[in-house]
Amino acid sequence: MFNLTPTETFKHEVKVQTKTESGSWREESFVGVFVRTPEDRRMELNDKTYAKLVDEVLIGWEMKDLQRLPVEFTPENKAAFLSIPAAVRETAVAYIGANAGAKVKN
């Protein structure tokens, strides 16, 4: 069985390693809501910076802050998110992998 009409969006977990004030690392995560892109558009996106790619394809999220309160997906929160290089990089990498297909196990 194969679905030739996938949905226009998909959800995918993004994990980000964040340096804490004490110098240790903490893994943070959220579920991104992304626009699915066809192959020709995917190739165009490969030529963009991570921030521009994420700005175009991230259209929502399921995210909680450190107090476990929901973080609303607003233009202001998205702009704040896009200013965090590690989060942007990991989101772009997660999107590219998820949009292109599932991981292959060894």
Protein backbone atom coordinates (compact mmCIF):
# COMPACT_ATOMS: atom_id res chain seq x y z
CA MET A 1 0.00 0.00 0.00
CA PHE A 2 1.29 3.51 -0.83
CA ASN A 3 -0.24 6.95 -0.36
CA LEU A 4 0.16 9.15 -3.45
CA THR A 5 -1.64 12.06 -1.78
CA PRO A 6 0.21 12.87 1.46
CA THR A 7 -0.95 15.70 3.66
CA GLU A 8 0.44 19.18 3.02
CA THR A 9 1.95 19.33 6.52
CA PHE A 10 3.58 16.95 8.96
CA LYS A 11 4.81 16.93 12.55
CA HIS A 12 8.30 15.92 13.58
CA GLU A 13 10.20 16.01 16.87
CA VAL A 14 13.26 18.26 16.98
CA LYS A 15 15.94 17.75 19.63
CA VAL A 16 18.42 20.50 20.48
CA GLN A 17 21.48 20.30 22.74
CA THR A 18 21.61 23.53 24.75
CA LYS A 19 24.55 24.77 26.82
CA THR A 20 23.42 25.69 30.34
CA GLU A 21 24.73 28.52 32.51
CA SER A 22 26.70 25.96 34.55
CA GLY A 23 28.50 24.79 31.41
CA SER A 24 26.78 21.43 31.08
CA TRP A 25 24.51 20.37 28.23
CA ARG A 26 20.76 19.84 28.34
CA GLU A 27 18.62 18.27 25.65
CA GLU A 28 15.52 20.27 24.81
CA SER A 29 12.87 19.27 22.32
CA PHE A 30 9.65 20.30 20.64
CA VAL A 31 7.38 18.99 17.92
CA GLY A 32 7.54 21.12 14.80
CA VAL A 33 4.70 21.46 12.33
CA PHE A 34 6.22 21.67 8.88
CA VAL A 35 5.13 22.23 5.30
CA ARG A 36 5.82 19.20 3.12
CA THR A 37 7.77 20.18 -0.01
CA PRO A 38 8.11 18.39 -3.33
CA GLU A 39 11.52 17.47 -4.71
CA ASP A 40 12.03 20.56 -6.89
CA ARG A 41 11.17 22.89 -4.00
CA ARG A 42 13.37 20.85 -1.64
CA MET A 43 16.33 21.43 -3.94
CA GLU A 44 15.67 25.21 -3.90
CA LEU A 45 15.51 25.16 -0.10
CA ASN A 46 18.90 23.45 0.06
CA ASP A 47 20.46 26.67 -1.25
CA LYS A 48 19.05 28.77 1.60
CA THR A 49 20.52 29.44 5.01
CA TYR A 50 19.17 27.32 7.84
CA ALA A 51 17.30 30.35 9.22
CA LYS A 52 15.59 31.11 5.89
CA LEU A 53 14.71 27.45 5.37
CA VAL A 54 13.20 27.14 8.86
CA ASP A 55 11.35 30.44 8.49
CA GLU A 56 9.68 29.10 5.33
CA VAL A 57 8.81 25.57 6.41
CA LEU A 58 8.10 25.81 10.17
CA ILE A 59 4.44 26.79 10.43
CA GLY A 60 3.66 25.76 13.98
CA TRP A 61 4.90 23.85 17.00
CA GLU A 62 3.98 21.98 20.13
CA MET A 63 6.43 23.50 22.59
CA LYS A 64 6.66 24.02 26.34
CA ASP A 65 9.00 26.35 28.20
CA LEU A 66 11.19 25.32 31.15
CA GLN A 67 8.22 25.78 33.50
CA ARG A 68 6.28 23.35 31.28
CA LEU A 69 3.92 26.05 30.07
CA PRO A 70 2.84 26.05 26.41
CA VAL A 71 4.74 28.39 24.10
CA GLU A 72 2.35 29.89 21.59
CA PHE A 73 3.43 29.97 17.95
CA THR A 74 3.40 33.70 17.26
CA PRO A 75 5.48 35.88 14.91
CA GLU A 76 7.35 37.23 17.95
CA ASN A 77 8.10 33.77 19.39
CA LYS A 78 9.12 32.49 15.99
CA ALA A 79 11.51 35.45 15.57
CA ALA A 80 13.00 34.74 19.01
CA PHE A 81 13.39 31.07 18.05
CA LEU A 82 15.08 32.00 14.76
CA SER A 83 17.71 33.94 16.72
CA ILE A 84 18.99 30.75 18.42
CA PRO A 85 21.59 29.24 16.04
CA ALA A 86 21.63 25.71 17.50
CA ALA A 87 17.84 25.47 17.48
CA VAL A 88 17.65 26.71 13.89
CA ARG A 89 20.35 24.31 12.70
CA GLU A 90 18.79 21.27 14.39
CA THR A 91 15.33 22.21 13.14
CA ALA A 92 16.61 22.50 9.55
CA VAL A 93 18.43 19.16 9.78
CA ALA A 94 15.38 17.45 11.30
CA TYR A 95 13.11 18.90 8.61
CA ILE A 96 15.37 17.89 5.74
CA GLY A 97 15.60 14.32 7.04
CA ALA A 98 11.89 13.99 7.76
CA ASN A 99 10.75 15.54 4.47
CA ALA A 100 13.12 13.36 2.43
CA GLY A 101 12.10 10.12 4.14
CA ALA A 102 12.66 8.02 7.23
CA LYS A 103 16.08 6.99 8.47
CA VAL A 104 17.48 3.71 7.24
CA LYS A 105 18.60 1.37 10.02
CA ASN A 106 21.91 -0.45 9.70
